[in-house]
Every structure is written in C-alpha cells, then in structure tokens.
Protein backbone atom coordinates (compact mmCIF):
# COMPACT_ATOMS: atom_id res chain seq x y z
CA MET A 1 -14.07 30.29 -34.40
CA ALA A 2 -13.84 27.65 -37.13
CA THR A 3 -11.15 29.71 -38.87
CA ALA A 4 -9.08 29.97 -35.72
CA LEU A 5 -9.31 26.24 -35.16
CA VAL A 6 -8.12 25.55 -38.68
CA LEU A 7 -5.23 27.97 -38.59
CA SER A 8 -3.86 26.86 -35.26
CA PRO A 9 -3.15 23.19 -36.14
CA ALA A 10 -1.99 24.09 -39.61
CA SER A 11 0.51 26.54 -38.21
CA SER A 12 1.80 23.78 -35.90
CA GLY A 13 2.71 21.59 -38.84
CA VAL A 14 -0.48 19.51 -39.16
CA PRO A 15 -1.00 18.76 -42.87
CA ALA A 16 -3.85 20.65 -44.49
CA GLY A 17 -5.31 17.35 -45.65
CA VAL A 18 -5.60 16.13 -42.05
CA VAL A 19 -7.32 19.37 -41.06
CA ALA A 20 -9.77 19.02 -43.96
CA ILE A 21 -10.53 15.35 -43.21
CA THR A 22 -11.15 16.07 -39.53
CA LEU A 23 -13.44 19.01 -40.24
CA VAL A 24 -15.44 16.88 -42.68
CA ALA A 25 -15.70 14.22 -39.98
CA ALA A 26 -16.95 16.85 -37.51
CA VAL A 27 -19.67 17.94 -39.93
CA LEU A 28 -20.70 14.33 -40.61
CA HIS A 29 -20.84 13.58 -36.88
CA ALA A 30 -23.17 16.49 -36.26
CA VAL A 31 -25.24 15.52 -39.31
CA TRP A 32 -25.83 11.90 -38.28
CA ASN A 33 -26.80 13.02 -34.79
CA ALA A 34 -29.20 15.55 -36.31
CA ILE A 35 -30.68 12.75 -38.44
CA ALA A 36 -31.15 10.59 -35.35
CA HIS A 37 -32.89 13.46 -33.59
CA GLY A 38 -34.91 14.50 -36.62
CA VAL A 39 -36.56 11.14 -37.40
CA PRO A 40 -40.09 11.42 -35.95
CA ASP A 41 -39.87 8.00 -34.28
CA ARG A 42 -36.38 8.27 -32.85
CA LEU A 43 -36.27 4.64 -31.75
CA VAL A 44 -36.78 3.65 -35.38
CA GLY A 45 -34.06 6.11 -36.40
CA PHE A 46 -31.54 4.57 -34.01
CA ALA A 47 -32.64 1.07 -35.09
CA LEU A 48 -31.90 1.90 -38.72
CA ILE A 49 -28.52 3.36 -37.77
CA GLY A 50 -27.75 0.11 -35.93
CA ALA A 51 -28.90 -1.87 -38.96
CA ALA A 52 -26.43 0.08 -41.10
CA TYR A 53 -23.64 -0.75 -38.64
CA THR A 54 -24.56 -4.44 -38.87
CA VAL A 55 -24.73 -4.62 -42.65
CA VAL A 56 -21.66 -2.51 -43.45
CA CYS A 57 -19.43 -3.93 -40.71
CA GLY A 58 -20.65 -7.47 -41.35
CA ALA A 59 -19.44 -7.18 -44.93
CA THR A 60 -16.19 -5.54 -43.81
CA ALA A 61 -15.56 -8.29 -41.24
CA LEU A 62 -15.49 -10.85 -44.06
CA VAL A 63 -12.59 -8.91 -45.57
CA VAL A 64 -10.54 -7.94 -42.50
CA GLY A 65 -10.97 -11.21 -40.60
CA LEU A 66 -10.93 -11.82 -36.86
CA PRO A 67 -9.08 -9.58 -34.40
CA PRO A 68 -6.29 -10.98 -32.20
CA SER A 69 -7.50 -12.69 -29.04
CA ALA A 70 -5.98 -9.99 -26.82
CA ALA A 71 -8.27 -7.39 -28.42
CA TRP A 72 -11.56 -9.14 -27.63
CA PRO A 73 -11.98 -7.81 -24.05
CA PHE A 74 -11.58 -4.25 -25.37
CA ILE A 75 -13.91 -4.85 -28.33
CA VAL A 76 -16.62 -6.36 -26.14
CA GLY A 77 -16.15 -3.70 -23.45
CA SER A 78 -16.28 -0.83 -25.91
CA ALA A 79 -19.29 -2.31 -27.70
CA ALA A 80 -21.12 -2.64 -24.37
CA ILE A 81 -20.36 0.97 -23.42
CA HIS A 82 -21.43 2.08 -26.91
CA VAL A 83 -24.78 0.35 -26.39
CA VAL A 84 -25.26 2.25 -23.12
CA TYR A 85 -24.18 5.45 -24.89
CA THR A 86 -26.69 4.88 -27.69
CA LEU A 87 -29.55 4.24 -25.25
CA LEU A 88 -28.65 7.40 -23.32
CA LEU A 89 -28.34 9.42 -26.53
CA TRP A 90 -31.76 8.16 -27.61
CA ALA A 91 -33.17 9.23 -24.25
CA SER A 92 -31.50 12.64 -24.56
CA TYR A 93 -33.06 13.23 -27.97
CA GLN A 94 -36.45 12.07 -26.73
CA LEU A 95 -36.34 14.53 -23.86
CA GLY A 96 -34.58 17.65 -25.13
CA GLU A 97 -33.76 19.89 -28.05
CA PHE A 98 -30.82 18.93 -30.23
CA SER A 99 -29.09 22.33 -30.06
CA GLN A 100 -28.88 21.98 -26.28
CA VAL A 101 -28.36 18.28 -25.48
CA TYR A 102 -25.86 17.53 -28.26
CA PRO A 103 -23.29 20.14 -27.12
CA VAL A 104 -23.80 19.10 -23.48
CA ALA A 105 -23.21 15.43 -24.29
CA ARG A 106 -20.13 16.05 -26.44
CA GLY A 107 -18.71 18.65 -24.06
CA THR A 108 -19.13 16.53 -20.93
CA ALA A 109 -16.83 13.75 -22.16
CA PRO A 110 -13.48 15.60 -22.32
CA TRP A 111 -14.41 17.48 -19.16
CA VAL A 112 -14.93 14.19 -17.29
CA VAL A 113 -11.66 12.71 -18.56
CA ALA A 114 -9.72 15.84 -17.58
CA VAL A 115 -11.31 16.07 -14.13
CA ILE A 116 -10.60 12.38 -13.46
CA GLU A 117 -6.95 13.00 -14.31
CA VAL A 118 -6.86 15.85 -11.79
CA LEU A 119 -8.54 13.73 -9.10
CA LEU A 120 -6.03 10.93 -9.70
CA GLY A 121 -3.23 13.38 -8.99
CA HIS A 122 -1.97 13.78 -12.56
CA HIS A 123 -0.33 17.09 -13.27
CA LEU A 124 -2.11 19.12 -15.91
CA PRO A 125 -0.57 22.16 -17.62
CA VAL A 126 -2.13 25.53 -16.97
CA LEU A 127 -3.78 25.61 -20.40
CA GLN A 128 -5.54 22.29 -19.77
CA LEU A 129 -6.74 23.46 -16.37
CA ALA A 130 -8.01 26.62 -18.04
CA GLY A 131 -9.76 24.40 -20.58
CA ILE A 132 -11.62 22.59 -17.80
CA VAL A 133 -12.83 25.93 -16.45
CA VAL A 134 -13.88 27.14 -19.92
CA ILE A 135 -15.76 23.91 -20.68
CA SER A 136 -17.48 24.13 -17.30
CA LEU A 137 -18.63 27.68 -18.04
CA GLY A 138 -19.92 26.66 -21.46
CA LEU A 139 -21.80 23.65 -20.11
CA LEU A 140 -23.26 25.74 -17.29
CA THR A 141 -24.42 28.34 -19.82
CA LEU A 142 -26.09 25.63 -21.90
CA ALA A 143 -27.77 24.19 -18.80
CA LEU A 144 -29.01 27.61 -17.73
CA ASP A 145 -30.16 28.59 -21.23
CA GLY A 146 -33.32 30.62 -20.81
CA GLY A 147 -32.92 30.77 -17.04
CA ARG A 148 -32.82 28.27 -14.22
CA PRO A 149 -33.44 24.70 -15.48
CA SER A 150 -37.02 23.60 -14.93
CA ARG A 151 -38.18 20.17 -13.90
CA ALA A 152 -39.09 19.60 -17.53
CA THR A 153 -35.53 20.22 -18.78
CA LEU A 154 -33.62 18.46 -16.01
CA PRO A 155 -34.19 14.91 -17.38
CA ALA A 156 -32.84 15.92 -20.80
CA LEU A 157 -29.77 17.57 -19.29
CA GLY A 158 -29.20 14.61 -16.98
CA ALA A 159 -29.41 12.17 -19.89
CA ALA A 160 -27.02 14.35 -21.92
CA VAL A 161 -24.47 14.45 -19.09
CA ALA A 162 -24.77 10.67 -18.67
CA THR A 163 -24.22 10.33 -22.42
CA GLY A 164 -21.04 12.35 -22.11
CA ILE A 165 -19.81 10.10 -19.30
CA ALA A 166 -20.41 7.09 -21.55
CA ILE A 167 -18.44 8.81 -24.34
CA ALA A 168 -15.56 9.30 -21.91
CA GLY A 169 -15.76 5.62 -20.99
CA TYR A 170 -15.52 4.20 -24.48
CA THR A 171 -12.87 6.78 -25.41
CA VAL A 172 -10.60 5.44 -22.66
CA VAL A 173 -11.22 1.83 -23.73
CA ASP A 174 -10.65 2.61 -27.41
CA ALA A 175 -7.41 4.45 -26.68
CA SER A 176 -6.07 1.36 -24.90
CA ALA A 177 -7.29 -1.00 -27.61
CA VAL A 178 -5.77 0.57 -30.71
CA ALA A 179 -2.28 -0.34 -29.51
CA ARG A 180 -3.26 -4.00 -29.54
CA THR A 181 -5.07 -4.44 -32.84
CA PRO A 182 -5.33 -2.76 -36.26
CA VAL A 183 -7.76 0.14 -36.07
CA LEU A 184 -9.96 -1.03 -38.95
CA VAL A 185 -10.32 -4.53 -37.48
CA TYR A 186 -11.10 -3.13 -34.03
CA ALA A 187 -13.69 -0.63 -35.28
CA THR A 188 -15.34 -3.20 -37.55
CA TRP A 189 -15.96 -5.74 -34.83
CA MET A 190 -16.87 -3.16 -32.20
CA PHE A 191 -19.59 -1.67 -34.42
CA LEU A 192 -20.70 -5.12 -35.58
CA LEU A 193 -21.29 -6.28 -32.00
CA GLN A 194 -23.30 -3.22 -31.03
CA GLY A 195 -25.20 -2.88 -34.33
CA PRO A 196 -28.04 -5.38 -33.76
CA VAL A 197 -28.98 -4.08 -30.31
CA MET A 198 -31.14 -1.09 -31.24
CA PRO A 199 -32.97 -2.99 -34.03
CA ALA A 200 -33.76 -5.66 -31.42
CA VAL A 201 -35.00 -3.03 -28.95
CA ALA A 202 -37.18 -1.47 -31.64
CA LEU A 203 -38.61 -4.87 -32.60
CA VAL A 204 -39.54 -5.63 -28.99
CA ARG A 205 -41.08 -2.20 -28.37
CA ARG A 206 -42.80 -1.65 -31.73
CA GLY A 207 -43.65 -5.23 -32.69
CA GLY A 208 -45.76 -5.50 -35.81
CA ARG A 209 -45.85 -1.73 -36.24
CA LEU A 210 -42.11 -1.59 -36.90
CA ARG A 211 -42.40 -2.24 -40.63
CA THR A 212 -44.98 0.51 -41.05
CA THR A 213 -42.97 3.09 -39.12
CA THR A 214 -39.65 2.08 -40.67
CA TRP A 215 -40.49 2.25 -44.36
CA PRO A 216 -41.04 6.05 -44.65
CA VAL A 217 -37.64 6.80 -43.06
CA LEU A 218 -35.68 3.76 -44.26
CA ALA A 219 -33.29 5.65 -46.53
CA VAL A 220 -32.76 8.53 -44.10
CA GLY A 221 -32.14 6.30 -41.08
CA PHE A 222 -29.90 3.82 -42.85
CA GLY A 223 -28.05 6.73 -44.46
CA GLY A 224 -27.51 8.19 -41.00
CA GLY A 225 -25.75 5.00 -39.97
CA VAL A 226 -23.50 5.11 -43.03
CA VAL A 227 -22.70 8.78 -42.31
CA SER A 228 -21.86 7.83 -38.71
CA LEU A 229 -19.43 5.15 -39.85
CA ALA A 230 -17.88 7.56 -42.35
CA ALA A 231 -17.37 10.17 -39.62
CA TYR A 232 -15.69 7.62 -37.35
CA GLY A 233 -13.54 6.28 -40.17
CA LEU A 234 -12.34 9.72 -41.24
CA VAL A 235 -11.25 10.51 -37.68
CA LEU A 236 -9.29 7.25 -37.56
CA VAL A 237 -7.61 8.16 -40.86
CA ALA A 238 -6.73 11.61 -39.51
CA GLN A 239 -5.29 10.10 -36.32
CA THR A 240 -2.81 8.04 -38.32
CA SER A 241 -1.01 11.33 -39.00
CA GLY A 242 0.16 11.34 -35.40
CA ALA A 243 -1.49 14.70 -34.68
CA THR A 244 -3.82 13.17 -32.10
CA ALA A 245 -4.36 16.29 -30.00
CA ALA A 246 -5.06 18.52 -32.99
CA VAL A 247 -7.46 15.97 -34.47
CA ALA A 248 -9.30 15.64 -31.14
CA ALA A 249 -9.65 19.41 -30.86
CA LEU A 250 -10.77 19.90 -34.45
CA ARG A 251 -13.31 17.10 -34.17
CA GLU A 252 -15.14 18.97 -31.44
CA THR A 253 -16.11 21.72 -33.87
CA SER A 254 -19.06 19.35 -34.32
CA ILE A 255 -20.40 20.91 -31.11
CA VAL A 256 -20.74 24.29 -32.80
CA ILE A 257 -22.07 22.73 -36.00
CA GLY A 258 -24.66 20.78 -33.99
CA ALA A 259 -25.89 23.91 -32.24
CA VAL A 260 -26.30 25.68 -35.58
CA ILE A 261 -28.05 22.68 -37.19
CA GLY A 262 -30.53 22.52 -34.34
CA ALA A 263 -31.27 26.21 -34.54
CA VAL A 264 -31.44 26.54 -38.32
CA PHE A 265 -32.57 23.19 -39.73
CA LEU A 266 -34.55 21.46 -36.96
CA GLY A 267 -36.95 24.31 -36.28
CA GLU A 268 -35.68 24.92 -32.76
CA ARG A 269 -35.72 28.47 -31.48
CA PHE A 270 -32.62 30.31 -32.61
CA GLY A 271 -30.86 30.89 -29.33
CA MET A 272 -27.67 32.81 -30.00
CA GLY A 273 -26.79 32.06 -26.38
CA ARG A 274 -26.70 28.35 -27.22
CA VAL A 275 -24.44 28.89 -30.21
CA ILE A 276 -22.08 31.07 -28.16
CA ALA A 277 -22.08 28.53 -25.32
CA ALA A 278 -21.29 25.75 -27.80
CA VAL A 279 -18.35 27.80 -29.12
CA VAL A 280 -17.12 28.26 -25.53
CA VAL A 281 -17.30 24.50 -24.91
CA ALA A 282 -15.40 23.78 -28.14
CA ALA A 283 -12.75 26.37 -27.21
CA GLY A 284 -12.32 24.74 -23.82
CA ILE A 285 -11.84 21.35 -25.44
CA VAL A 286 -9.15 22.81 -27.69
CA LEU A 287 -7.31 24.04 -24.58
CA VAL A 288 -7.63 20.63 -22.89
CA ASP A 289 -6.28 18.89 -25.99
CA LEU A 290 -3.31 21.23 -26.49
C-alpha cells in the first residue's frame, strides 16, 4: 500500500523530495500520537506536549513577530478547536486502544468534510464519492473489530469520532487562514495559544503530584511535542509545492503506520483486521483527495 501511494503522486509529477518529506511527516505524526498514548499518565503526556508547543513557539514568535490583524480570528478559532481536539484525543486514548481509535479519529475527518460537501449540494466526482464509501467501510470495520461494539468500547469510539470532527473543523479554519497570513506566523501563534492549556489542566487535576509524575517522562513527553511540531512543519513545507491533494493523501499513511505501531510496539493484540481496515481507510482518503 505504501509503495502504491508513493508511486502514484510521483508519476503525476510530484517531486520525489515532496513525497519523502510528506511520508516522514506521516511517520512522525503517528509516532507523537503513540507517545501520547504510551505515557502511563496520559494527562501528563499531553501536558508535556503542550509545554513543548509553548516553549518552541514562544521562541519562534520572537523571531517571526505578530500576525496581521485579519488573521487573529482564524488563529484564535483554530487554537480553540485544537484545544477541544486535544481534550477529545486525550479522552480517546484514555478509553481505547491506539491501533483502533487513532485510525478512526484520523479517518473520520476527511469523511466528515466530504459528506458535508455532498449535503451542501457540491458536486463530487465519482472517485471522491467512491472514497467516501471506502472510508465508511474501513471505519465500520474498525468499529466492529472483534464483533459488535460493546458498551465498554462505545465511549472510545465515540470520542474518536468526535476527535475526527474536531480535526475537520480546524482543517477548514486553517485552509481559510493560510491565504491571509504567512504559514509559519500562523502556525506559531496558533500553537502558542493552545500550548499552555493542557499543562494548566494537568496542574489543576494533579496538583502537587504533578512534579512527581512528570519527571520520569519529561524527556519523552516534551520530545513528543517537538515531534508533533516537526510533523506539522514538514507538511506545511510539502504543501508549498502546490501538490496539496497529493500531500493530503500521502499524509494519511499515518493511519496505517499508527495501526502497526499499536499492534507491534504498544503491546496491543495484533489484529490483522485492524491493519487491513486502516489500509482501507487510507485508500479511501486517497480517492477523496484525488
């Protein structure tokens, strides 16, 4: 599957360097999510990721300066949606296994955007409509992994779907914003605004215990935040090539990578059905983005 995804954009004239950068970004995205899930106290993990956003983007903001006034509503709106997304992602990882909830969350977003376009009366090519169907089948397979969802798994799946809706929300806002402000300035201030939220939540919930629980995972959690920023930055670099659709499709190989990471490295049961379903979801996203 990964080979097919690489060959298709390359054959359409997308530079090999763009393909390579996007695939690296996909791996990094799956890795930072795996780190967030793998930290024993996941609230602390997300707090450290937020701390990394604050430190790195705070330093960057001193260099890039303030965004134009017209960009502030988009920056604030995207940061607010990102906070909701982070809280929902935290809930998803508290409730479910990474190899299931990560593909559901990532796969729901493009599905929601495409379905909204259909409901608004926008004409979609046959391939994109087929992509919606394929994504739906993949998500349904993930939801039904191991049989009919039990009451125990429904909260995790619900949180993952809600996470995907939040992803769709900030994707729409970000797409509108980049035409109004330089991408680096926009991303810097958006991450800087959202960064302190999870550390604040962790401080309120953990209180005096926060220092004790943070120290053992300080490097891992903070590193996860840096990896997250690197993944986002690499995608932005790839998008400057103009191959937006190809970059969007390639990025979603992170869904397959995430399913494999969960099965192989996080000690979750190796469900080949989950890996296959993740591949189906990624293939559907490629069709939607064509």
